PDB file of N, CA and C in Angstrom:
ATOM      1  N   MET A   1      97.534  92.966 102.830  1.00  0.00           N
ATOM      2  CA  MET A   1      98.671  92.251 103.148  1.00  0.00           C
ATOM      3  C   MET A   1      99.819  91.943 102.256  1.00  0.00           C
ATOM      4  N   GLU A   2     100.897  92.802 102.655  1.00  0.00           N
ATOM      5  CA  GLU A   2     101.868  92.448 102.044  1.00  0.00           C
ATOM      6  C   GLU A   2     102.661  91.187 101.370  1.00  0.00           C
ATOM      7  N   ASP A   3     103.480  90.687 100.498  1.00  0.00           N
ATOM      8  CA  ASP A   3     103.939  89.658  99.907  1.00  0.00           C
ATOM      9  C   ASP A   3     104.578  88.890 101.304  1.00  0.00           C
ATOM     10  N   GLU A   4     105.414  89.724 102.053  1.00  0.00           N
ATOM     11  CA  GLU A   4     105.998  89.048 103.297  1.00  0.00           C
ATOM     12  C   GLU A   4     105.067  88.629 104.241  1.00  0.00           C
ATOM     13  N   GLY A   5     104.033  89.040 104.546  1.00  0.00           N
ATOM     14  CA  GLY A   5     102.850  88.494 105.110  1.00  0.00           C
ATOM     15  C   GLY A   5     102.218  87.544 104.946  1.00  0.00           C
ATOM     16  N   ILE A   6     102.238  87.446 103.360  1.00  0.00           N
ATOM     17  CA  ILE A   6     101.599  86.192 102.589  1.00  0.00           C
ATOM     18  C   ILE A   6     102.293  84.859 102.844  1.00  0.00           C
ATOM     19  N   HIS A   7     103.768  85.038 102.488  1.00  0.00           N
ATOM     20  CA  HIS A   7     104.760  84.165 102.678  1.00  0.00           C
ATOM     21  C   HIS A   7     104.595  83.516 104.241  1.00  0.00           C
ATOM     22  N   ASN A   8     104.571  84.816 105.119  1.00  0.00           N
ATOM     23  CA  ASN A   8     104.865  84.073 106.544  1.00  0.00           C
ATOM     24  C   ASN A   8     103.396  83.071 106.670  1.00  0.00           C
ATOM     25  N   ARG A   9     102.047  83.402 106.153  1.00  0.00           N
ATOM     26  CA  ARG A   9     101.082  83.159 106.419  1.00  0.00           C
ATOM     27  C   ARG A   9     101.345  81.177 105.787  1.00  0.00           C
ATOM     28  N   ILE A  10     101.815  81.380 104.542  1.00  0.00           N
ATOM     29  CA  ILE A  10     102.184  79.891 103.867  1.00  0.00           C
ATOM     30  C   ILE A  10     103.219  79.220 104.875  1.00  0.00           C
ATOM     31  N   GLU A  11     104.069  79.757 105.316  1.00  0.00           N
ATOM     32  CA  GLU A  11     105.035  79.038 106.196  1.00  0.00           C
ATOM     33  C   GLU A  11     104.056  78.417 107.263  1.00  0.00           C
ATOM     34  N   GLN A  12     103.264  79.253 107.494  1.00  0.00           N
ATOM     35  CA  GLN A  12     102.562  78.750 109.346  1.00  0.00           C
ATOM     36  C   GLN A  12     101.750  77.701 108.605  1.00  0.00           C
ATOM     37  N   LEU A  13     100.811  78.032 107.541  1.00  0.00           N
ATOM     38  CA  LEU A  13     100.066  76.653 107.009  1.00  0.00           C
ATOM     39  C   LEU A  13     100.743  75.285 106.862  1.00  0.00           C
ATOM     40  N   VAL A  14     101.908  75.472 105.958  1.00  0.00           N
ATOM     41  CA  VAL A  14     102.538  74.291 105.843  1.00  0.00           C
ATOM     42  C   VAL A  14     103.198  73.639 106.835  1.00  0.00           C
ATOM     43  N   ALA A  15     103.767  74.292 107.825  1.00  0.00           N
ATOM     44  CA  ALA A  15     103.953  73.727 108.956  1.00  0.00           C
ATOM     45  C   ALA A  15     102.762  73.076 109.701  1.00  0.00           C
ATOM     46  N   GLU A  16     101.840  73.653 109.866  1.00  0.00           N
ATOM     47  CA  GLU A  16     100.759  72.787 110.438  1.00  0.00           C
ATOM     48  C   GLU A  16     100.279  71.370 109.827  1.00  0.00           C
ATOM     49  N   GLU A  17     100.580  71.580 108.334  1.00  0.00           N
ATOM     50  CA  GLU A  17      99.989  70.630 107.488  1.00  0.00           C
ATOM     51  C   GLU A  17     100.926  69.565 107.399  1.00  0.00           C
ATOM     52  N   HIS A  18     102.151  69.802 107.724  1.00  0.00           N
ATOM     53  CA  HIS A  18     103.106  68.663 107.724  1.00  0.00           C
ATOM     54  C   HIS A  18     102.773  67.868 109.178  1.00  0.00           C
ATOM     55  N   GLU A  19     102.616  68.844 110.392  1.00  0.00           N
ATOM     56  CA  GLU A  19     102.357  68.256 111.448  1.00  0.00           C
ATOM     57  C   GLU A  19     101.044  67.358 111.364  1.00  0.00           C
ATOM     58  N   LEU A  20     100.205  67.609 110.715  1.00  0.00           N
ATOM     59  CA  LEU A  20      99.075  66.783 110.596  1.00  0.00           C
ATOM     60  C   LEU A  20      98.998  65.363 109.736  1.00  0.00           C
ATOM     61  N   TYR A  21     100.044  65.741 108.613  1.00  0.00           N
ATOM     62  CA  TYR A  21     100.557  64.359 107.818  1.00  0.00           C
ATOM     63  C   TYR A  21     101.194  63.848 108.871  1.00  0.00           C
ATOM     64  N   GLU A  22     102.249  63.958 109.684  1.00  0.00           N
ATOM     65  CA  GLU A  22     102.924  63.136 110.685  1.00  0.00           C
ATOM     66  C   GLU A  22     101.969  62.548 111.717  1.00  0.00           C
ATOM     67  N   ARG A  23     101.127  63.539 112.034  1.00  0.00           N
ATOM     68  CA  ARG A  23     100.366  62.678 112.910  1.00  0.00           C
ATOM     69  C   ARG A  23      99.322  61.591 112.420  1.00  0.00           C
ATOM     70  N   GLY A  24      98.922  61.778 111.137  1.00  0.00           N
ATOM     71  CA  GLY A  24      98.023  60.937 110.463  1.00  0.00           C
ATOM     72  C   GLY A  24      98.869  59.334 110.143  1.00  0.00           C
ATOM     73  N   ALA A  25     100.171  59.745 109.921  1.00  0.00           N
ATOM     74  CA  ALA A  25     100.863  58.504 109.493  1.00  0.00           C
ATOM     75  C   ALA A  25     101.151  57.694 110.773  1.00  0.00           C
ATOM     76  N   GLU A  26     101.213  58.251 112.170  1.00  0.00           N
ATOM     77  CA  GLU A  26     101.396  57.691 113.113  1.00  0.00           C
ATOM     78  C   GLU A  26     100.098  56.780 113.571  1.00  0.00           C
ATOM     79  N   GLY A  27      98.934  57.381 113.244  1.00  0.00           N
ATOM     80  CA  GLY A  27      97.850  56.515 113.748  1.00  0.00           C
ATOM     81  C   GLY A  27      96.623  57.015 113.199  1.00  0.00           C
ATOM     82  N   GLY A  28      96.407  57.676 112.333  1.00  0.00           N
ATOM     83  CA  GLY A  28      95.406  58.593 111.625  1.00  0.00           C
ATOM     84  C   GLY A  28      94.934  59.484 112.299  1.00  0.00           C
ATOM     85  N   LEU A  29      94.191  60.518 111.660  1.00  0.00           N
ATOM     86  CA  LEU A  29      93.646  61.546 111.846  1.00  0.00           C
ATOM     87  C   LEU A  29      91.952  61.574 112.442  1.00  0.00           C
ATOM     88  N   SER A  30      91.565  62.443 113.199  1.00  0.00           N
ATOM     89  CA  SER A  30      90.243  62.473 113.517  1.00  0.00           C
ATOM     90  C   SER A  30      89.485  63.385 112.542  1.00  0.00           C
ATOM     91  N   ASP A  31      87.963  63.211 112.794  1.00  0.00           N
ATOM     92  CA  ASP A  31      87.294  64.249 111.635  1.00  0.00           C
ATOM     93  C   ASP A  31      87.843  65.213 111.535  1.00  0.00           C
ATOM     94  N   VAL A  32      87.816  65.912 112.913  1.00  0.00           N
ATOM     95  CA  VAL A  32      88.033  67.325 113.098  1.00  0.00           C
ATOM     96  C   VAL A  32      89.453  67.891 112.075  1.00  0.00           C
ATOM     97  N   GLU A  33      90.705  66.699 112.550  1.00  0.00           N
ATOM     98  CA  GLU A  33      91.739  67.174 112.033  1.00  0.00           C
ATOM     99  C   GLU A  33      91.748  66.914 110.359  1.00  0.00           C
ATOM    100  N   HIS A  34      91.125  65.921 109.813  1.00  0.00           N
ATOM    101  CA  HIS A  34      90.661  66.358 108.748  1.00  0.00           C
ATOM    102  C   HIS A  34      90.393  67.290 107.976  1.00  0.00           C
ATOM    103  N   ARG A  35      89.108  67.741 108.640  1.00  0.00           N
ATOM    104  CA  ARG A  35      88.577  68.714 108.093  1.00  0.00           C
ATOM    105  C   ARG A  35      89.530  70.333 108.114  1.00  0.00           C
ATOM    106  N   ARG A  36      90.454  69.883 109.180  1.00  0.00           N
ATOM    107  CA  ARG A  36      91.574  71.006 109.393  1.00  0.00           C
ATOM    108  C   ARG A  36      92.591  70.805 108.049  1.00  0.00           C
ATOM    109  N   LEU A  37      92.889  69.708 107.992  1.00  0.00           N
ATOM    110  CA  LEU A  37      93.794  69.533 106.823  1.00  0.00           C
ATOM    111  C   LEU A  37      93.378  69.885 105.665  1.00  0.00           C
ATOM    112  N   GLU A  38      92.000  69.900 105.153  1.00  0.00           N
ATOM    113  CA  GLU A  38      91.244  70.638 103.959  1.00  0.00           C
ATOM    114  C   GLU A  38      91.252  71.732 104.039  1.00  0.00           C
ATOM    115  N   SER A  39      90.899  72.383 105.221  1.00  0.00           N
ATOM    116  CA  SER A  39      90.930  73.958 105.088  1.00  0.00           C
ATOM    117  C   SER A  39      92.554  74.405 105.073  1.00  0.00           C
ATOM    118  N   ILE A  40      93.500  74.026 105.656  1.00  0.00           N
ATOM    119  CA  ILE A  40      94.602  74.236 105.384  1.00  0.00           C
ATOM    120  C   ILE A  40      94.932  74.364 103.926  1.00  0.00           C
ATOM    121  N   LYS A  41      94.647  73.283 102.936  1.00  0.00           N
ATOM    122  CA  LYS A  41      94.860  73.079 101.697  1.00  0.00           C
ATOM    123  C   LYS A  41      94.371  74.142 100.725  1.00  0.00           C
ATOM    124  N   VAL A  42      92.868  74.841 101.178  1.00  0.00           N
ATOM    125  CA  VAL A  42      92.306  75.578 100.595  1.00  0.00           C
ATOM    126  C   VAL A  42      92.786  76.946 100.719  1.00  0.00           C
ATOM    127  N   GLY A  43      93.574  76.953 101.935  1.00  0.00           N
ATOM    128  CA  GLY A  43      94.069  78.436 102.471  1.00  0.00           C
ATOM    129  C   GLY A  43      95.405  78.505 101.696  1.00  0.00           C
ATOM    130  N   LEU A  44      96.214  77.378 101.735  1.00  0.00           N
ATOM    131  CA  LEU A  44      97.229  77.490 100.988  1.00  0.00           C
ATOM    132  C   LEU A  44      97.186  77.952  99.381  1.00  0.00           C
ATOM    133  N   ASP A  45      95.873  77.476  98.578  1.00  0.00           N
ATOM    134  CA  ASP A  45      95.515  77.935  97.261  1.00  0.00           C
ATOM    135  C   ASP A  45      95.317  79.443  97.172  1.00  0.00           C
ATOM    136  N   GLN A  46      94.656  79.729  98.439  1.00  0.00           N
ATOM    137  CA  GLN A  46      94.284  81.048  98.360  1.00  0.00           C
ATOM    138  C   GLN A  46      95.320  82.034  98.590  1.00  0.00           C
ATOM    139  N   CYS A  47      96.158  81.571  99.298  1.00  0.00           N
ATOM    140  CA  CYS A  47      97.555  82.731  99.541  1.00  0.00           C
ATOM    141  C   CYS A  47      98.554  82.449  98.236  1.00  0.00           C
ATOM    142  N   TRP A  48      98.482  81.246  97.688  1.00  0.00           N
ATOM    143  CA  TRP A  48      99.365  81.538  96.577  1.00  0.00           C
ATOM    144  C   TRP A  48      98.746  82.204  95.264  1.00  0.00           C
ATOM    145  N   ASP A  49      97.473  81.866  95.296  1.00  0.00           N
ATOM    146  CA  ASP A  49      96.698  82.744  94.278  1.00  0.00           C
ATOM    147  C   ASP A  49      96.809  84.379  94.245  1.00  0.00           C
ATOM    148  N   LEU A  50      96.637  84.738  95.801  1.00  0.00           N
ATOM    149  CA  LEU A  50      96.965  86.197  96.384  1.00  0.00           C
ATOM    150  C   LEU A  50      98.424  86.584  95.547  1.00  0.00           C
ATOM    151  N   LEU A  51      99.346  85.721  95.781  1.00  0.00           N
ATOM    152  CA  LEU A  51     100.711  86.275  95.495  1.00  0.00           C
ATOM    153  C   LEU A  51     100.739  86.396  94.161  1.00  0.00           C
ATOM    154  N   ARG A  52     100.008  85.338  93.349  1.00  0.00           N
ATOM    155  CA  ARG A  52      99.980  85.373  91.665  1.00  0.00           C
ATOM    156  C   ARG A  52      99.389  86.669  91.315  1.00  0.00           C
ATOM    157  N   GLN A  53      98.239  87.324  92.141  1.00  0.00           N
ATOM    158  CA  GLN A  53      97.712  88.345  91.656  1.00  0.00           C
ATOM    159  C   GLN A  53      98.423  89.481  91.619  1.00  0.00           C
ATOM    160  N   ARG A  54      98.899  89.400  92.998  1.00  0.00           N
ATOM    161  CA  ARG A  54      99.924  90.718  93.319  1.00  0.00           C
ATOM    162  C   ARG A  54     100.997  90.722  92.062  1.00  0.00           C
ATOM    163  N   ARG A  55     101.521  89.476  91.940  1.00  0.00           N
ATOM    164  CA  ARG A  55     103.048  89.708  90.861  1.00  0.00           C
ATOM    165  C   ARG A  55     102.308  89.986  89.524  1.00  0.00           C
ATOM    166  N   ALA A  56     101.280  89.652  89.293  1.00  0.00           N
ATOM    167  CA  ALA A  56     100.539  90.013  87.749  1.00  0.00           C
ATOM    168  C   ALA A  56     100.349  91.651  87.522  1.00  0.00           C
ATOM    169  N   LEU A  57      99.496  91.833  88.981  1.00  0.00           N
ATOM    170  CA  LEU A  57      98.992  93.736  88.837  1.00  0.00           C
ATOM    171  C   LEU A  57     100.489  94.253  89.054  1.00  0.00           C
ATOM    172  N   ARG A  58     101.699  93.557  89.747  1.00  0.00           N
ATOM    173  CA  ARG A  58     102.841  94.868  89.806  1.00  0.00           C
ATOM    174  C   ARG A  58     103.680  94.638  88.593  1.00  0.00           C
ATOM    175  N   GLU A  59     103.641  93.748  87.841  1.00  0.00           N
ATOM    176  CA  GLU A  59     103.890  93.574  86.525  1.00  0.00           C
ATOM    177  C   GLU A  59     103.405  93.767  85.227  1.00  0.00           C
ATOM    178  N   ALA A  60     101.890  94.640  85.370  1.00  0.00           N
ATOM    179  CA  ALA A  60     101.286  95.054  84.421  1.00  0.00           C
ATOM    180  C   ALA A  60     101.201  96.941  84.664  1.00  0.00           C
ATOM    181  N   GLY A  61     102.051  97.254  86.232  1.00  0.00           N
ATOM    182  CA  GLY A  61     101.914  98.517  86.234  1.00  0.00           C
ATOM    183  C   GLY A  61     100.744  98.869  87.531  1.00  0.00           C
ATOM    184  N   TYR A  62     100.313  97.975  87.736  1.00  0.00           N
ATOM    185  CA  TYR A  62      98.986  98.448  88.753  1.00  0.00           C
ATOM    186  C   TYR A  62      99.336  98.024  89.918  1.00  0.00           C
ATOM    187  N   ASP A  63      98.646  98.655  91.214  1.00  0.00           N
ATOM    188  CA  ASP A  63      98.780  98.762  92.441  1.00  0.00           C
ATOM    189  C   ASP A  63      98.648  96.957  92.992  1.00  0.00           C
ATOM    190  N   PRO A  64      99.578  96.481  93.580  1.00  0.00           N
ATOM    191  CA  PRO A  64      99.461  95.026  93.808  1.00  0.00           C
ATOM    192  C   PRO A  64      98.435  95.134  95.154  1.00  0.00           C
ATOM    193  N   ALA A  65      98.362  95.993  95.696  1.00  0.00           N
ATOM    194  CA  ALA A  65      97.381  95.951  96.903  1.00  0.00           C
ATOM    195  C   ALA A  65      95.858  95.721  96.463  1.00  0.00           C
ATOM    196  N   SER A  66      95.787  96.166  95.370  1.00  0.00           N
ATOM    197  CA  SER A  66      94.115  96.113  94.681  1.00  0.00           C
ATOM    198  C   SER A  66      93.917  94.216  94.656  1.00  0.00           C
ATOM    199  N   ALA A  67      94.727  93.637  94.746  1.00  0.00           N
ATOM    200  CA  ALA A  67      94.598  92.140  94.897  1.00  0.00           C
ATOM    201  C   ALA A  67      93.686  91.797  95.918  1.00  0.00           C
ATOM    202  N   SER A  68      92.864  90.673  95.954  1.00  0.00           N
ATOM    203  CA  SER A  68      92.014  90.448  96.850  1.00  0.00           C
ATOM    204  C   SER A  68      91.822  88.770  96.985  1.00  0.00           C
ATOM    205  N   VAL A  69      91.846  88.341  98.326  1.00  0.00           N
ATOM    206  CA  VAL A  69      91.618  86.672  98.528  1.00  0.00           C
ATOM    207  C   VAL A  69      90.351  86.198  97.683  1.00  0.00           C
ATOM    208  N   ARG A  70      90.287  85.288  96.743  1.00  0.00           N
ATOM    209  CA  ARG A  70      89.405  84.926  96.212  1.00  0.00           C
ATOM    210  C   ARG A  70      88.571  83.606  97.076  1.00  0.00           C
ATOM    211  N   ASP A  71      87.366  83.668  96.787  1.00  0.00           N
ATOM    212  CA  ASP A  71      86.564  82.620  97.439  1.00  0.00           C
ATOM    213  C   ASP A  71      87.411  81.077  97.288  1.00  0.00           C
ATOM    214  N   PRO A  72      87.028  80.349  98.000  1.00  0.00           N
ATOM    215  CA  PRO A  72      87.512  79.088  98.078  1.00  0.00           C
ATOM    216  C   PRO A  72      86.868  78.162  96.714  1.00  0.00           C
ATOM    217  N   GLU A  73      85.682  78.583  96.575  1.00  0.00           N
ATOM    218  CA  GLU A  73      84.911  78.052  95.170  1.00  0.00           C
ATOM    219  C   GLU A  73      85.850  78.471  94.148  1.00  0.00           C
ATOM    220  N   VAL A  74      86.132  79.563  93.943  1.00  0.00           N
ATOM    221  CA  VAL A  74      87.233  79.801  92.889  1.00  0.00           C
ATOM    222  C   VAL A  74      88.631  79.139  92.525  1.00  0.00           C
ATOM    223  N   VAL A  75      89.326  79.263  93.907  1.00  0.00           N
ATOM    224  CA  VAL A  75      90.742  78.983  93.453  1.00  0.00           C
ATOM    225  C   VAL A  75      90.831  77.520  93.817  1.00  0.00           C
ATOM    226  N   GLU A  76      89.648  76.754  94.231  1.00  0.00           N
ATOM    227  CA  GLU A  76      89.682  75.120  94.021  1.00  0.00           C
ATOM    228  C   GLU A  76      89.120  74.824  92.856  1.00  0.00           C
ATOM    229  N   GLY A  77      88.560  75.636  91.673  1.00  0.00           N
ATOM    230  CA  GLY A  77      88.196  75.479  90.778  1.00  0.00           C
ATOM    231  C   GLY A  77      89.316  75.551  89.247  1.00  0.00           C
ATOM    232  N   TYR A  78      90.366  76.088  90.011  1.00  0.00           N
ATOM    233  CA  TYR A  78      91.567  76.166  88.768  1.00  0.00           C
ATOM    234  C   TYR A  78      92.100  74.613  88.604  1.00  0.00           C
ATOM    235  N   GLU A  79      92.500  74.882  87.284  1.00  0.00           N
ATOM    236  CA  GLU A  79      93.020  73.452  86.569  1.00  0.00           C
ATOM    237  C   GLU A  79      94.582  73.630  86.694  1.00  0.00           C
ATOM    238  N   GLN A  80      95.335  72.658  87.106  1.00  0.00           N
ATOM    239  CA  GLN A  80      96.763  72.832  87.515  1.00  0.00           C
ATOM    240  C   GLN A  80      97.599  72.081  86.143  1.00  0.00           C
TER     241      GLN A  80
END
């Protein structure tokens, strides 16, 4: 996936995340919606990680296409 596609996916996930937060503020979320919100957060972390991998590879002179989406356990284990 190219950078533009990753950015588009991030925008989609952020829009859905905001919709769920608004819905939650209006009256709470169902269990399914809570799980979806957690899934969105993981998906966003994976997208941002993929963009960082691609940038690092590009800056090092390597092919950014060799970057890959990492498992949720990996990206969720990063410290900020």
